[in-house]
N, C-alpha and C. Protein backbone atom coordinates (compact mmCIF):
# COMPACT_ATOMS: atom_id res chain seq x y z
N MET A 1 58.37 -14.85 -43.79
CA MET A 1 57.24 -14.14 -43.21
C MET A 1 55.93 -14.71 -43.76
N PHE A 2 55.86 -14.88 -45.07
CA PHE A 2 54.66 -15.43 -45.67
C PHE A 2 54.38 -16.83 -45.15
N ASP A 3 55.44 -17.65 -45.00
CA ASP A 3 55.26 -19.01 -44.48
C ASP A 3 54.70 -18.99 -43.06
N ALA A 4 55.20 -18.06 -42.25
CA ALA A 4 54.71 -17.96 -40.88
C ALA A 4 53.23 -17.59 -40.86
N LEU A 5 52.84 -16.66 -41.72
CA LEU A 5 51.44 -16.25 -41.80
C LEU A 5 50.57 -17.41 -42.29
N ARG A 6 51.06 -18.13 -43.29
CA ARG A 6 50.32 -19.28 -43.83
C ARG A 6 50.15 -20.35 -42.75
N LYS A 7 51.21 -20.60 -41.99
CA LYS A 7 51.13 -21.60 -40.92
C LYS A 7 50.12 -21.15 -39.85
N PHE A 8 50.18 -19.87 -39.50
CA PHE A 8 49.24 -19.34 -38.51
C PHE A 8 47.80 -19.50 -38.98
N LEU A 9 47.53 -19.15 -40.24
CA LEU A 9 46.18 -19.29 -40.77
C LEU A 9 45.76 -20.75 -40.85
N SER A 10 46.69 -21.61 -41.23
CA SER A 10 46.40 -23.03 -41.30
C SER A 10 46.05 -23.57 -39.92
N ASP A 11 46.81 -23.13 -38.92
CA ASP A 11 46.54 -23.56 -37.55
C ASP A 11 45.18 -23.06 -37.09
N LEU A 12 44.85 -21.84 -37.43
CA LEU A 12 43.57 -21.27 -37.04
C LEU A 12 42.40 -22.01 -37.66
N THR A 13 42.55 -22.37 -38.90
CA THR A 13 41.45 -23.04 -39.61
C THR A 13 41.53 -24.54 -39.48
N ALA A 14 42.51 -25.02 -38.72
CA ALA A 14 42.70 -26.46 -38.50
C ALA A 14 42.85 -27.18 -39.83
N GLY A 15 43.76 -26.69 -40.63
CA GLY A 15 44.03 -27.28 -41.94
C GLY A 15 44.50 -28.70 -41.77
N ASP A 16 45.72 -29.00 -42.20
CA ASP A 16 46.24 -30.36 -42.10
C ASP A 16 46.52 -30.73 -40.65
N LYS A 17 46.86 -29.77 -39.85
CA LYS A 17 47.25 -30.06 -38.47
C LYS A 17 46.66 -28.98 -37.58
N HIS A 18 45.97 -29.42 -36.53
CA HIS A 18 45.40 -28.45 -35.61
C HIS A 18 46.48 -28.02 -34.60
N PRO A 19 46.29 -26.87 -33.96
CA PRO A 19 47.27 -26.43 -32.96
C PRO A 19 47.38 -27.45 -31.83
N ALA A 20 48.53 -27.49 -31.22
CA ALA A 20 48.76 -28.44 -30.14
C ALA A 20 47.73 -28.23 -29.04
N ARG A 21 47.14 -29.31 -28.59
CA ARG A 21 46.14 -29.22 -27.52
C ARG A 21 46.79 -29.31 -26.15
N PHE A 22 48.02 -29.76 -26.11
CA PHE A 22 48.67 -30.05 -24.84
C PHE A 22 49.84 -29.10 -24.63
N GLU A 23 49.64 -28.13 -23.76
CA GLU A 23 50.67 -27.15 -23.45
C GLU A 23 51.73 -27.77 -22.54
N ASP A 24 52.88 -27.11 -22.46
CA ASP A 24 53.97 -27.60 -21.62
C ASP A 24 53.56 -27.74 -20.15
N ASN A 25 52.59 -26.95 -19.72
CA ASN A 25 52.18 -27.00 -18.31
C ASN A 25 50.96 -27.90 -18.08
N ASP A 26 50.62 -28.74 -19.05
CA ASP A 26 49.50 -29.67 -18.94
C ASP A 26 49.99 -30.94 -18.25
N TYR A 27 49.39 -31.26 -17.11
CA TYR A 27 49.83 -32.45 -16.37
C TYR A 27 49.69 -33.72 -17.21
N ARG A 28 48.75 -33.74 -18.15
CA ARG A 28 48.57 -34.93 -18.98
C ARG A 28 49.80 -35.17 -19.84
N LEU A 29 50.42 -34.09 -20.33
CA LEU A 29 51.65 -34.24 -21.11
C LEU A 29 52.77 -34.77 -20.22
N ALA A 30 52.88 -34.25 -19.01
CA ALA A 30 53.91 -34.72 -18.08
C ALA A 30 53.69 -36.19 -17.72
N ALA A 31 52.45 -36.56 -17.42
CA ALA A 31 52.15 -37.95 -17.07
C ALA A 31 52.41 -38.88 -18.25
N ALA A 32 51.98 -38.47 -19.44
CA ALA A 32 52.20 -39.29 -20.63
C ALA A 32 53.69 -39.43 -20.93
N ALA A 33 54.48 -38.38 -20.69
CA ALA A 33 55.93 -38.47 -20.89
C ALA A 33 56.54 -39.49 -19.93
N LEU A 34 56.06 -39.53 -18.69
CA LEU A 34 56.53 -40.55 -17.75
C LEU A 34 56.17 -41.94 -18.25
N LEU A 35 54.98 -42.10 -18.79
CA LEU A 35 54.55 -43.39 -19.31
C LEU A 35 55.41 -43.81 -20.50
N VAL A 36 55.71 -42.87 -21.37
CA VAL A 36 56.59 -43.16 -22.52
C VAL A 36 57.97 -43.57 -22.01
N HIS A 37 58.45 -42.88 -20.98
CA HIS A 37 59.76 -43.20 -20.41
C HIS A 37 59.77 -44.62 -19.84
N VAL A 38 58.70 -45.00 -19.17
CA VAL A 38 58.60 -46.36 -18.63
C VAL A 38 58.64 -47.38 -19.77
N ALA A 39 57.89 -47.12 -20.82
CA ALA A 39 57.84 -48.06 -21.94
C ALA A 39 59.19 -48.21 -22.62
N ALA A 40 59.98 -47.14 -22.63
CA ALA A 40 61.26 -47.15 -23.36
C ALA A 40 62.47 -47.47 -22.48
N ILE A 41 62.31 -47.54 -21.16
CA ILE A 41 63.44 -47.63 -20.25
C ILE A 41 64.28 -48.89 -20.46
N ASP A 42 63.66 -49.97 -20.90
CA ASP A 42 64.42 -51.21 -21.09
C ASP A 42 65.03 -51.31 -22.49
N GLY A 43 65.00 -50.23 -23.24
CA GLY A 43 65.68 -50.17 -24.52
C GLY A 43 64.81 -50.43 -25.73
N GLU A 44 63.61 -50.96 -25.53
CA GLU A 44 62.74 -51.26 -26.66
C GLU A 44 61.29 -51.08 -26.25
N VAL A 45 60.52 -50.41 -27.09
CA VAL A 45 59.09 -50.30 -26.88
C VAL A 45 58.45 -51.37 -27.76
N THR A 46 57.95 -52.41 -27.13
CA THR A 46 57.35 -53.51 -27.88
C THR A 46 55.98 -53.09 -28.41
N PRO A 47 55.48 -53.78 -29.41
CA PRO A 47 54.12 -53.47 -29.89
C PRO A 47 53.06 -53.58 -28.78
N VAL A 48 53.22 -54.54 -27.89
CA VAL A 48 52.28 -54.69 -26.77
C VAL A 48 52.34 -53.47 -25.86
N GLU A 49 53.55 -53.00 -25.56
CA GLU A 49 53.70 -51.81 -24.71
C GLU A 49 53.12 -50.58 -25.41
N ARG A 50 53.36 -50.46 -26.70
CA ARG A 50 52.85 -49.32 -27.47
C ARG A 50 51.32 -49.31 -27.45
N GLU A 51 50.70 -50.47 -27.67
CA GLU A 51 49.24 -50.56 -27.64
C GLU A 51 48.70 -50.25 -26.25
N ARG A 52 49.36 -50.76 -25.22
CA ARG A 52 48.90 -50.52 -23.84
C ARG A 52 49.04 -49.04 -23.49
N LEU A 53 50.15 -48.43 -23.89
CA LEU A 53 50.38 -47.00 -23.67
C LEU A 53 49.24 -46.19 -24.28
N HIS A 54 48.93 -46.48 -25.52
CA HIS A 54 47.86 -45.78 -26.24
C HIS A 54 46.52 -45.97 -25.51
N ALA A 55 46.22 -47.21 -25.13
CA ALA A 55 44.95 -47.51 -24.48
C ALA A 55 44.82 -46.81 -23.12
N ILE A 56 45.89 -46.83 -22.34
CA ILE A 56 45.86 -46.20 -21.02
C ILE A 56 45.65 -44.70 -21.14
N ILE A 57 46.40 -44.07 -22.03
CA ILE A 57 46.28 -42.62 -22.21
C ILE A 57 44.89 -42.25 -22.70
N LYS A 58 44.39 -43.00 -23.66
CA LYS A 58 43.06 -42.72 -24.20
C LYS A 58 42.00 -42.84 -23.12
N GLN A 59 42.04 -43.93 -22.37
CA GLN A 59 41.02 -44.18 -21.36
C GLN A 59 41.15 -43.25 -20.16
N ARG A 60 42.34 -43.15 -19.59
CA ARG A 60 42.51 -42.39 -18.34
C ARG A 60 42.31 -40.88 -18.52
N PHE A 61 42.62 -40.38 -19.73
CA PHE A 61 42.47 -38.94 -19.96
C PHE A 61 41.23 -38.63 -20.80
N ASP A 62 40.43 -39.67 -21.09
CA ASP A 62 39.17 -39.52 -21.82
C ASP A 62 39.37 -38.75 -23.13
N LEU A 63 40.24 -39.29 -23.98
CA LEU A 63 40.57 -38.64 -25.24
C LEU A 63 40.05 -39.46 -26.42
N ASP A 64 39.87 -38.79 -27.55
CA ASP A 64 39.55 -39.52 -28.77
C ASP A 64 40.85 -40.01 -29.41
N GLU A 65 40.75 -40.74 -30.51
CA GLU A 65 41.94 -41.32 -31.16
C GLU A 65 42.95 -40.25 -31.57
N ALA A 66 42.47 -39.18 -32.21
CA ALA A 66 43.37 -38.14 -32.71
C ALA A 66 44.10 -37.45 -31.56
N ALA A 67 43.37 -37.13 -30.51
CA ALA A 67 43.99 -36.46 -29.36
C ALA A 67 44.98 -37.41 -28.66
N THR A 68 44.64 -38.69 -28.60
CA THR A 68 45.53 -39.67 -27.99
C THR A 68 46.82 -39.77 -28.79
N ASP A 69 46.70 -39.87 -30.11
CA ASP A 69 47.89 -39.93 -30.97
C ASP A 69 48.76 -38.69 -30.79
N GLU A 70 48.10 -37.54 -30.72
CA GLU A 70 48.84 -36.29 -30.55
C GLU A 70 49.56 -36.24 -29.20
N LEU A 71 48.86 -36.64 -28.15
CA LEU A 71 49.47 -36.63 -26.82
C LEU A 71 50.66 -37.59 -26.76
N VAL A 72 50.52 -38.78 -27.33
CA VAL A 72 51.62 -39.74 -27.33
C VAL A 72 52.82 -39.16 -28.10
N ALA A 73 52.56 -38.53 -29.24
CA ALA A 73 53.65 -37.94 -30.04
C ALA A 73 54.34 -36.81 -29.27
N GLU A 74 53.54 -35.93 -28.67
CA GLU A 74 54.13 -34.82 -27.91
C GLU A 74 54.86 -35.32 -26.67
N ALA A 75 54.32 -36.33 -26.02
CA ALA A 75 54.96 -36.90 -24.83
C ALA A 75 56.27 -37.58 -25.20
N THR A 76 56.29 -38.25 -26.33
CA THR A 76 57.52 -38.90 -26.79
C THR A 76 58.60 -37.86 -27.04
N GLN A 77 58.23 -36.78 -27.69
CA GLN A 77 59.19 -35.70 -27.94
C GLN A 77 59.66 -35.07 -26.63
N ALA A 78 58.74 -34.81 -25.71
CA ALA A 78 59.11 -34.21 -24.42
C ALA A 78 60.03 -35.15 -23.64
N GLU A 79 59.74 -36.44 -23.66
CA GLU A 79 60.55 -37.42 -22.94
C GLU A 79 61.96 -37.48 -23.51
N GLN A 80 62.08 -37.40 -24.83
CA GLN A 80 63.39 -37.47 -25.47
C GLN A 80 64.24 -36.23 -25.15
N GLN A 81 63.59 -35.11 -24.91
CA GLN A 81 64.30 -33.86 -24.62
C GLN A 81 64.60 -33.68 -23.14
N ALA A 82 63.96 -34.46 -22.30
CA ALA A 82 64.11 -34.29 -20.85
C ALA A 82 65.45 -34.83 -20.37
N VAL A 83 66.02 -34.16 -19.37
CA VAL A 83 67.27 -34.62 -18.79
C VAL A 83 67.05 -35.41 -17.51
N ASP A 84 65.86 -35.26 -16.91
CA ASP A 84 65.55 -36.00 -15.69
C ASP A 84 64.04 -36.08 -15.52
N LEU A 85 63.61 -36.75 -14.47
CA LEU A 85 62.19 -36.93 -14.19
C LEU A 85 61.58 -35.72 -13.50
N TYR A 86 62.42 -34.89 -12.89
CA TYR A 86 61.93 -33.82 -12.04
C TYR A 86 61.01 -32.85 -12.79
N HIS A 87 61.34 -32.54 -14.04
CA HIS A 87 60.52 -31.61 -14.82
C HIS A 87 59.07 -32.10 -14.86
N PHE A 88 58.88 -33.39 -15.08
CA PHE A 88 57.54 -33.96 -15.18
C PHE A 88 56.89 -34.12 -13.81
N THR A 89 57.64 -34.66 -12.86
CA THR A 89 57.06 -34.92 -11.55
C THR A 89 56.72 -33.63 -10.80
N SER A 90 57.52 -32.59 -10.98
CA SER A 90 57.21 -31.34 -10.28
C SER A 90 55.91 -30.73 -10.80
N LEU A 91 55.68 -30.82 -12.11
CA LEU A 91 54.43 -30.31 -12.67
C LEU A 91 53.24 -31.13 -12.16
N ILE A 92 53.40 -32.44 -12.12
CA ILE A 92 52.34 -33.30 -11.62
C ILE A 92 52.06 -33.00 -10.15
N ASN A 93 53.12 -32.78 -9.37
CA ASN A 93 52.95 -32.45 -7.95
C ASN A 93 52.20 -31.15 -7.75
N ARG A 94 52.44 -30.18 -8.61
CA ARG A 94 51.76 -28.88 -8.50
C ARG A 94 50.31 -28.96 -8.95
N THR A 95 49.99 -29.93 -9.78
CA THR A 95 48.67 -29.99 -10.42
C THR A 95 47.72 -30.99 -9.79
N LEU A 96 48.23 -32.17 -9.42
CA LEU A 96 47.36 -33.24 -8.94
C LEU A 96 47.42 -33.40 -7.43
N ASP A 97 46.33 -33.87 -6.87
CA ASP A 97 46.30 -34.19 -5.44
C ASP A 97 46.95 -35.57 -5.23
N GLU A 98 46.96 -36.01 -4.00
CA GLU A 98 47.61 -37.28 -3.67
C GLU A 98 47.02 -38.46 -4.45
N ALA A 99 45.70 -38.51 -4.55
CA ALA A 99 45.04 -39.60 -5.28
C ALA A 99 45.42 -39.55 -6.76
N GLY A 100 45.52 -38.37 -7.33
CA GLY A 100 45.91 -38.23 -8.73
C GLY A 100 47.33 -38.70 -8.97
N ARG A 101 48.22 -38.39 -8.03
CA ARG A 101 49.62 -38.83 -8.17
C ARG A 101 49.72 -40.34 -8.05
N ARG A 102 48.92 -40.92 -7.17
CA ARG A 102 48.89 -42.40 -7.07
C ARG A 102 48.40 -43.01 -8.38
N ARG A 103 47.41 -42.37 -9.02
CA ARG A 103 46.90 -42.89 -10.30
C ARG A 103 48.00 -42.86 -11.36
N VAL A 104 48.85 -41.84 -11.34
CA VAL A 104 49.96 -41.78 -12.30
C VAL A 104 50.90 -42.96 -12.06
N VAL A 105 51.23 -43.22 -10.80
CA VAL A 105 52.11 -44.37 -10.49
C VAL A 105 51.44 -45.67 -10.92
N GLU A 106 50.14 -45.78 -10.70
CA GLU A 106 49.42 -46.98 -11.13
C GLU A 106 49.50 -47.15 -12.65
N MET A 107 49.33 -46.06 -13.39
CA MET A 107 49.43 -46.14 -14.85
C MET A 107 50.83 -46.58 -15.27
N MET A 108 51.84 -46.09 -14.56
CA MET A 108 53.21 -46.49 -14.86
C MET A 108 53.39 -47.99 -14.66
N TRP A 109 52.83 -48.52 -13.57
CA TRP A 109 52.90 -49.97 -13.34
C TRP A 109 52.18 -50.73 -14.46
N GLU A 110 51.06 -50.19 -14.94
CA GLU A 110 50.34 -50.84 -16.03
C GLU A 110 51.21 -50.97 -17.28
N ILE A 111 52.01 -49.94 -17.54
CA ILE A 111 52.93 -50.00 -18.69
C ILE A 111 54.01 -51.04 -18.42
N VAL A 112 54.56 -51.03 -17.20
CA VAL A 112 55.61 -52.00 -16.85
C VAL A 112 55.11 -53.42 -17.09
N TYR A 113 53.91 -53.73 -16.64
CA TYR A 113 53.39 -55.09 -16.73
C TYR A 113 52.79 -55.43 -18.10
N ALA A 114 52.79 -54.48 -19.02
CA ALA A 114 52.20 -54.75 -20.35
C ALA A 114 52.85 -55.92 -21.05
N ASP A 115 54.18 -56.07 -20.88
CA ASP A 115 54.87 -57.17 -21.55
C ASP A 115 55.05 -58.39 -20.65
N GLY A 116 54.44 -58.35 -19.46
CA GLY A 116 54.45 -59.51 -18.59
C GLY A 116 55.68 -59.70 -17.75
N ARG A 117 56.62 -58.77 -17.78
CA ARG A 117 57.83 -58.91 -16.97
C ARG A 117 58.27 -57.53 -16.46
N VAL A 118 59.01 -57.54 -15.37
CA VAL A 118 59.52 -56.31 -14.78
C VAL A 118 61.03 -56.37 -14.78
N THR A 119 61.67 -55.40 -15.43
CA THR A 119 63.13 -55.35 -15.42
C THR A 119 63.60 -54.51 -14.24
N GLU A 120 64.86 -54.64 -13.90
CA GLU A 120 65.40 -53.83 -12.80
C GLU A 120 65.36 -52.35 -13.15
N PHE A 121 65.49 -52.00 -14.44
CA PHE A 121 65.41 -50.60 -14.85
C PHE A 121 64.01 -50.05 -14.59
N GLU A 122 62.99 -50.84 -14.93
CA GLU A 122 61.61 -50.41 -14.71
C GLU A 122 61.32 -50.27 -13.22
N ASP A 123 61.75 -51.24 -12.44
CA ASP A 123 61.52 -51.21 -11.00
C ASP A 123 62.18 -49.99 -10.38
N ASN A 124 63.42 -49.71 -10.78
CA ASN A 124 64.15 -48.56 -10.25
C ASN A 124 63.48 -47.26 -10.67
N LEU A 125 63.03 -47.18 -11.91
CA LEU A 125 62.34 -45.98 -12.40
C LEU A 125 61.08 -45.72 -11.61
N LEU A 126 60.30 -46.76 -11.34
CA LEU A 126 59.07 -46.59 -10.57
C LEU A 126 59.36 -46.15 -9.14
N TRP A 127 60.42 -46.69 -8.56
CA TRP A 127 60.81 -46.29 -7.21
C TRP A 127 61.14 -44.80 -7.18
N ARG A 128 61.97 -44.35 -8.15
CA ARG A 128 62.37 -42.93 -8.20
C ARG A 128 61.19 -42.02 -8.48
N ALA A 129 60.37 -42.38 -9.48
CA ALA A 129 59.23 -41.53 -9.84
C ALA A 129 58.23 -41.44 -8.70
N ALA A 130 57.92 -42.58 -8.06
CA ALA A 130 56.98 -42.56 -6.94
C ALA A 130 57.51 -41.69 -5.81
N ASP A 131 58.79 -41.80 -5.54
CA ASP A 131 59.41 -40.97 -4.50
C ASP A 131 59.25 -39.49 -4.84
N LEU A 132 59.54 -39.12 -6.08
CA LEU A 132 59.42 -37.72 -6.50
C LEU A 132 57.96 -37.24 -6.48
N LEU A 133 57.03 -38.17 -6.66
CA LEU A 133 55.61 -37.81 -6.65
C LEU A 133 55.00 -37.86 -5.25
N GLY A 134 55.82 -38.19 -4.25
CA GLY A 134 55.32 -38.23 -2.88
C GLY A 134 54.45 -39.45 -2.60
N VAL A 135 54.62 -40.50 -3.39
CA VAL A 135 53.90 -41.75 -3.16
C VAL A 135 54.83 -42.64 -2.35
N SER A 136 54.36 -43.06 -1.19
CA SER A 136 55.21 -43.82 -0.27
C SER A 136 55.60 -45.18 -0.85
N SER A 137 56.63 -45.77 -0.30
CA SER A 137 57.06 -47.11 -0.72
C SER A 137 55.92 -48.11 -0.52
N ARG A 138 55.23 -48.00 0.60
CA ARG A 138 54.11 -48.91 0.87
C ARG A 138 53.04 -48.79 -0.22
N GLU A 139 52.68 -47.54 -0.55
CA GLU A 139 51.65 -47.33 -1.59
C GLU A 139 52.14 -47.81 -2.96
N ARG A 140 53.40 -47.55 -3.26
CA ARG A 140 53.98 -47.99 -4.54
C ARG A 140 53.90 -49.50 -4.66
N ILE A 141 54.24 -50.22 -3.59
CA ILE A 141 54.21 -51.68 -3.60
C ILE A 141 52.76 -52.18 -3.69
N GLU A 142 51.84 -51.52 -2.98
CA GLU A 142 50.43 -51.91 -3.08
C GLU A 142 49.91 -51.73 -4.50
N LEU A 143 50.28 -50.61 -5.13
CA LEU A 143 49.86 -50.37 -6.51
C LEU A 143 50.45 -51.42 -7.44
N ARG A 144 51.70 -51.77 -7.21
CA ARG A 144 52.35 -52.80 -8.03
C ARG A 144 51.60 -54.12 -7.90
N ARG A 145 51.30 -54.51 -6.68
CA ARG A 145 50.59 -55.78 -6.45
C ARG A 145 49.20 -55.75 -7.08
N HIS A 146 48.53 -54.63 -6.96
CA HIS A 146 47.20 -54.48 -7.54
C HIS A 146 47.26 -54.67 -9.06
N VAL A 147 48.17 -53.97 -9.71
CA VAL A 147 48.30 -54.06 -11.17
C VAL A 147 48.76 -55.46 -11.58
N ALA A 148 49.72 -56.02 -10.87
CA ALA A 148 50.21 -57.37 -11.19
C ALA A 148 49.08 -58.38 -11.05
N GLY A 149 48.25 -58.22 -10.03
CA GLY A 149 47.10 -59.12 -9.85
C GLY A 149 46.11 -59.01 -10.98
N GLU A 150 45.84 -57.79 -11.44
CA GLU A 150 44.93 -57.59 -12.58
C GLU A 150 45.51 -58.22 -13.84
N GLN A 151 46.81 -58.06 -14.04
CA GLN A 151 47.45 -58.62 -15.23
C GLN A 151 47.36 -60.14 -15.21
N THR A 152 47.55 -60.73 -14.04
CA THR A 152 47.48 -62.19 -13.90
C THR A 152 46.07 -62.68 -14.20
N ARG A 153 45.08 -61.99 -13.63
CA ARG A 153 43.68 -62.37 -13.89
C ARG A 153 43.34 -62.22 -15.36
N ASP A 154 43.77 -61.11 -15.98
CA ASP A 154 43.49 -60.88 -17.40
C ASP A 154 44.11 -61.97 -18.25
N GLY A 155 45.33 -62.38 -17.88
CA GLY A 155 46.03 -63.42 -18.63
C GLY A 155 45.35 -64.77 -18.50
N GLN A 156 44.77 -65.04 -17.33
CA GLN A 156 44.11 -66.33 -17.13
C GLN A 156 42.75 -66.35 -17.83
N ASP A 157 42.09 -65.20 -17.84
CA ASP A 157 40.77 -65.15 -18.46
C ASP A 157 40.87 -65.15 -19.98
N GLY A 158 41.96 -64.59 -20.50
CA GLY A 158 42.07 -64.41 -21.94
C GLY A 158 42.74 -65.52 -22.55
């Protein structure tokens, strides 16, 4: 009982750890969990994928470093506990409009292309997730081409 009270007071005063900013019904948590899933689908999250994941989440959700780290940690935990994509995609469908759902698919492609290659697992995951998000095959392919083109240009410029 005393520990629970101490934890509650610590959370209130933002002691070592502030209360979670991202509730289970926050579309950002669902979207970030999908991004974590994309990064991990081929069996390994490379340092490049990890950095890209962090950068995308920070930029697209306009978060500071601490909030980005927290969202990535919570999304990783949510992704590990999930049994399917539906939990995340249904929340995103209820929360975001069509343009917002397309942006989620675009972010997923950005993670896929972070390491410069697309595996069949990643391609299949994007097909399933886009379908669940109501993003057509045509739009999914256009988003893929758009992201792939940006990655190619970035690689040539850098």
